[in-house]
Amino acid sequence: MRFFPLLIMIGLTLLTLGLYFVIDAFPTLDRPTSFAALTLVSFGTSFLILIDGVRQAKSGKGVLWNYIALAGTLVLMTFNFLIWVIGEVST
């Protein structure tokens, strides 16, 4: 599955944008705590993409899509973390 990390990143992007603009992704939590949970999910996703990239690199396959997905996931993780911190400071 060459584009699996990219699909994971797209799903995480949709969840982040949905939480930011439309829905409460975790209905039992307030918004800053929801972004905290999403930050942890983003961290786990980054780790999963990194492990997949190492596995593919060891087998001699191209890892360009993994690098793109990892960069996008790190940007999302930073965005979620900043929204979480801003939300906690403002409340």
N, C-alpha and C. Protein backbone atom coordinates (compact mmCIF):
# COMPACT_ATOMS: atom_id res chain seq x y z
N MET A 1 0.84 -1.18 0.00
CA MET A 1 0.00 0.00 0.00
C MET A 1 0.89 1.24 0.00
N ARG A 2 1.12 1.74 -1.15
CA ARG A 2 2.02 2.86 -1.32
C ARG A 2 1.49 4.14 -0.73
N PHE A 3 0.19 4.36 -0.82
CA PHE A 3 -0.39 5.63 -0.38
C PHE A 3 -1.06 5.53 0.99
N PHE A 4 -0.81 4.47 1.73
CA PHE A 4 -1.42 4.30 3.04
C PHE A 4 -1.09 5.45 4.00
N PRO A 5 0.18 5.89 4.10
CA PRO A 5 0.46 7.04 4.99
C PRO A 5 -0.26 8.31 4.55
N LEU A 6 -0.40 8.48 3.26
CA LEU A 6 -1.12 9.66 2.76
C LEU A 6 -2.60 9.59 3.12
N LEU A 7 -3.18 8.40 3.05
CA LEU A 7 -4.58 8.23 3.45
C LEU A 7 -4.77 8.49 4.95
N ILE A 8 -3.81 8.06 5.75
CA ILE A 8 -3.87 8.34 7.19
C ILE A 8 -3.81 9.85 7.43
N MET A 9 -2.92 10.53 6.73
CA MET A 9 -2.78 11.98 6.89
C MET A 9 -4.06 12.70 6.45
N ILE A 10 -4.67 12.26 5.37
CA ILE A 10 -5.91 12.89 4.88
C ILE A 10 -7.04 12.68 5.90
N GLY A 11 -7.14 11.49 6.47
CA GLY A 11 -8.14 11.25 7.50
C GLY A 11 -7.92 12.13 8.72
N LEU A 12 -6.68 12.28 9.12
CA LEU A 12 -6.36 13.15 10.26
C LEU A 12 -6.66 14.61 9.94
N THR A 13 -6.41 15.01 8.70
CA THR A 13 -6.72 16.38 8.28
C THR A 13 -8.22 16.63 8.32
N LEU A 14 -9.00 15.68 7.83
CA LEU A 14 -10.46 15.84 7.87
C LEU A 14 -10.98 15.90 9.30
N LEU A 15 -10.43 15.09 10.18
CA LEU A 15 -10.83 15.13 11.58
C LEU A 15 -10.46 16.46 12.23
N THR A 16 -9.27 16.97 11.92
CA THR A 16 -8.84 18.26 12.47
C THR A 16 -9.72 19.39 11.96
N LEU A 17 -9.95 19.43 10.66
CA LEU A 17 -10.77 20.50 10.10
C LEU A 17 -12.21 20.40 10.58
N GLY A 18 -12.71 19.18 10.71
CA GLY A 18 -14.05 18.99 11.23
C GLY A 18 -14.17 19.48 12.66
N LEU A 19 -13.17 19.20 13.46
CA LEU A 19 -13.19 19.67 14.85
C LEU A 19 -13.04 21.18 14.91
N TYR A 20 -12.21 21.73 14.04
CA TYR A 20 -11.96 23.16 14.07
C TYR A 20 -13.16 23.98 13.59
N PHE A 21 -13.83 23.49 12.55
CA PHE A 21 -14.88 24.28 11.93
C PHE A 21 -16.30 23.83 12.27
N VAL A 22 -16.55 22.54 12.44
CA VAL A 22 -17.92 22.06 12.44
C VAL A 22 -18.34 21.34 13.72
N ILE A 23 -17.69 20.25 14.04
CA ILE A 23 -18.23 19.31 15.03
C ILE A 23 -17.36 19.24 16.27
N ASP A 24 -17.89 18.64 17.31
CA ASP A 24 -17.09 18.22 18.44
C ASP A 24 -16.69 16.78 18.19
N ALA A 25 -15.42 16.56 17.93
CA ALA A 25 -14.96 15.21 17.58
C ALA A 25 -15.08 14.27 18.77
N PHE A 26 -14.88 14.80 19.96
CA PHE A 26 -15.01 14.01 21.17
C PHE A 26 -16.08 14.69 22.02
N PRO A 27 -17.34 14.28 21.92
CA PRO A 27 -18.45 15.03 22.53
C PRO A 27 -18.37 15.16 24.05
N THR A 28 -17.68 14.26 24.71
CA THR A 28 -17.62 14.35 26.17
C THR A 28 -16.55 15.31 26.66
N LEU A 29 -15.72 15.81 25.77
CA LEU A 29 -14.63 16.71 26.15
C LEU A 29 -14.91 18.12 25.67
N ASP A 30 -14.33 19.11 26.34
CA ASP A 30 -14.44 20.47 25.84
C ASP A 30 -13.46 20.64 24.67
N ARG A 31 -13.56 21.75 23.97
CA ARG A 31 -12.76 21.91 22.74
C ARG A 31 -11.25 21.87 22.96
N PRO A 32 -10.69 22.58 23.96
CA PRO A 32 -9.23 22.46 24.13
C PRO A 32 -8.78 21.04 24.44
N THR A 33 -9.55 20.32 25.23
CA THR A 33 -9.19 18.94 25.55
C THR A 33 -9.33 18.06 24.31
N SER A 34 -10.29 18.35 23.45
CA SER A 34 -10.43 17.60 22.20
C SER A 34 -9.20 17.80 21.32
N PHE A 35 -8.68 19.03 21.28
CA PHE A 35 -7.46 19.27 20.51
C PHE A 35 -6.26 18.59 21.15
N ALA A 36 -6.27 18.48 22.49
CA ALA A 36 -5.19 17.75 23.17
C ALA A 36 -5.23 16.28 22.77
N ALA A 37 -6.42 15.69 22.74
CA ALA A 37 -6.55 14.29 22.33
C ALA A 37 -6.13 14.12 20.87
N LEU A 38 -6.50 15.09 20.03
CA LEU A 38 -6.13 15.01 18.62
C LEU A 38 -4.62 15.18 18.44
N THR A 39 -3.99 15.96 19.32
CA THR A 39 -2.53 16.09 19.27
C THR A 39 -1.88 14.74 19.56
N LEU A 40 -2.40 14.02 20.55
CA LEU A 40 -1.84 12.70 20.85
C LEU A 40 -2.08 11.72 19.70
N VAL A 41 -3.24 11.79 19.07
CA VAL A 41 -3.51 10.95 17.90
C VAL A 41 -2.55 11.30 16.77
N SER A 42 -2.29 12.59 16.58
CA SER A 42 -1.35 13.03 15.55
C SER A 42 0.05 12.51 15.82
N PHE A 43 0.45 12.53 17.10
CA PHE A 43 1.76 12.01 17.46
C PHE A 43 1.86 10.52 17.13
N GLY A 44 0.83 9.77 17.49
CA GLY A 44 0.82 8.34 17.17
C GLY A 44 0.83 8.09 15.68
N THR A 45 0.11 8.91 14.93
CA THR A 45 0.09 8.78 13.47
C THR A 45 1.46 9.07 12.89
N SER A 46 2.14 10.10 13.39
CA SER A 46 3.49 10.41 12.92
C SER A 46 4.43 9.24 13.16
N PHE A 47 4.31 8.66 14.35
CA PHE A 47 5.16 7.51 14.68
C PHE A 47 4.87 6.34 13.75
N LEU A 48 3.59 6.08 13.47
CA LEU A 48 3.21 5.00 12.56
C LEU A 48 3.76 5.23 11.15
N ILE A 49 3.66 6.46 10.66
CA ILE A 49 4.17 6.77 9.32
C ILE A 49 5.69 6.65 9.29
N LEU A 50 6.35 7.07 10.36
CA LEU A 50 7.80 6.96 10.42
C LEU A 50 8.25 5.50 10.41
N ILE A 51 7.57 4.66 11.19
CA ILE A 51 7.90 3.23 11.23
C ILE A 51 7.67 2.59 9.85
N ASP A 52 6.57 2.97 9.19
CA ASP A 52 6.29 2.44 7.85
C ASP A 52 7.36 2.88 6.86
N GLY A 53 7.81 4.13 6.98
CA GLY A 53 8.87 4.61 6.09
C GLY A 53 10.18 3.88 6.29
N VAL A 54 10.52 3.59 7.54
CA VAL A 54 11.74 2.83 7.82
C VAL A 54 11.63 1.43 7.24
N ARG A 55 10.46 0.82 7.40
CA ARG A 55 10.24 -0.53 6.86
C ARG A 55 10.37 -0.54 5.34
N GLN A 56 9.78 0.47 4.69
CA GLN A 56 9.85 0.53 3.23
C GLN A 56 11.27 0.83 2.75
N ALA A 57 11.98 1.69 3.49
CA ALA A 57 13.35 2.02 3.09
C ALA A 57 14.27 0.80 3.21
N LYS A 58 14.04 -0.02 4.25
CA LYS A 58 14.85 -1.22 4.41
C LYS A 58 14.60 -2.23 3.31
N SER A 59 13.38 -2.24 2.78
CA SER A 59 13.07 -3.19 1.72
C SER A 59 13.43 -2.63 0.33
N GLY A 60 13.93 -1.42 0.28
CA GLY A 60 14.39 -0.85 -0.98
C GLY A 60 13.32 -0.14 -1.78
N LYS A 61 12.18 0.13 -1.20
CA LYS A 61 11.11 0.84 -1.91
C LYS A 61 11.27 2.33 -1.70
N GLY A 62 10.60 3.10 -2.55
CA GLY A 62 10.63 4.55 -2.43
C GLY A 62 9.84 5.04 -1.23
N VAL A 63 10.35 6.08 -0.60
CA VAL A 63 9.70 6.58 0.61
C VAL A 63 9.28 8.05 0.46
N LEU A 64 9.16 8.54 -0.76
CA LEU A 64 8.80 9.95 -0.97
C LEU A 64 7.43 10.27 -0.38
N TRP A 65 6.45 9.39 -0.61
CA TRP A 65 5.11 9.64 -0.10
C TRP A 65 5.09 9.61 1.43
N ASN A 66 5.94 8.81 2.01
CA ASN A 66 6.03 8.78 3.47
C ASN A 66 6.57 10.10 4.00
N TYR A 67 7.57 10.66 3.31
CA TYR A 67 8.11 11.96 3.73
C TYR A 67 7.06 13.06 3.62
N ILE A 68 6.29 13.02 2.54
CA ILE A 68 5.23 14.03 2.35
C ILE A 68 4.17 13.88 3.43
N ALA A 69 3.75 12.65 3.68
CA ALA A 69 2.73 12.41 4.70
C ALA A 69 3.26 12.75 6.09
N LEU A 70 4.52 12.45 6.36
CA LEU A 70 5.10 12.76 7.67
C LEU A 70 5.18 14.27 7.87
N ALA A 71 5.57 15.00 6.83
CA ALA A 71 5.63 16.46 6.95
C ALA A 71 4.24 17.04 7.19
N GLY A 72 3.24 16.56 6.47
CA GLY A 72 1.88 17.03 6.66
C GLY A 72 1.35 16.71 8.05
N THR A 73 1.66 15.51 8.54
CA THR A 73 1.21 15.11 9.87
C THR A 73 1.88 15.94 10.96
N LEU A 74 3.16 16.25 10.78
CA LEU A 74 3.84 17.10 11.75
C LEU A 74 3.27 18.51 11.77
N VAL A 75 2.88 19.02 10.61
CA VAL A 75 2.24 20.34 10.55
C VAL A 75 0.90 20.28 11.28
N LEU A 76 0.12 19.23 11.04
CA LEU A 76 -1.16 19.07 11.74
C LEU A 76 -0.98 18.93 13.25
N MET A 77 0.05 18.19 13.64
CA MET A 77 0.30 18.02 15.07
C MET A 77 0.66 19.37 15.71
N THR A 78 1.47 20.15 15.04
CA THR A 78 1.83 21.48 15.55
C THR A 78 0.60 22.37 15.63
N PHE A 79 -0.25 22.34 14.60
CA PHE A 79 -1.47 23.14 14.59
C PHE A 79 -2.39 22.74 15.75
N ASN A 80 -2.60 21.44 15.93
CA ASN A 80 -3.45 20.97 17.02
C ASN A 80 -2.87 21.34 18.38
N PHE A 81 -1.56 21.23 18.52
CA PHE A 81 -0.91 21.58 19.78
C PHE A 81 -1.07 23.07 20.08
N LEU A 82 -0.88 23.91 19.07
CA LEU A 82 -1.03 25.35 19.28
C LEU A 82 -2.46 25.73 19.63
N ILE A 83 -3.43 25.13 18.95
CA ILE A 83 -4.83 25.41 19.27
C ILE A 83 -5.14 24.95 20.70
N TRP A 84 -4.60 23.81 21.09
CA TRP A 84 -4.80 23.32 22.45
C TRP A 84 -4.23 24.29 23.48
N VAL A 85 -2.99 24.74 23.26
CA VAL A 85 -2.35 25.65 24.21
C VAL A 85 -3.08 26.98 24.25
N ILE A 86 -3.44 27.52 23.11
CA ILE A 86 -4.18 28.79 23.06
C ILE A 86 -5.53 28.64 23.77
N GLY A 87 -6.20 27.53 23.55
CA GLY A 87 -7.48 27.29 24.23
C GLY A 87 -7.35 27.18 25.73
N GLU A 88 -6.28 26.54 26.19
CA GLU A 88 -6.07 26.40 27.63
C GLU A 88 -5.67 27.72 28.26
N VAL A 89 -4.88 28.53 27.58
CA VAL A 89 -4.44 29.81 28.13
C VAL A 89 -5.61 30.80 28.18
N SER A 90 -6.47 30.74 27.19
CA SER A 90 -7.57 31.71 27.13
C SER A 90 -8.71 31.38 28.09
N THR A 91 -8.76 30.14 28.60
CA THR A 91 -9.85 29.79 29.52
C THR A 91 -9.42 29.86 30.98
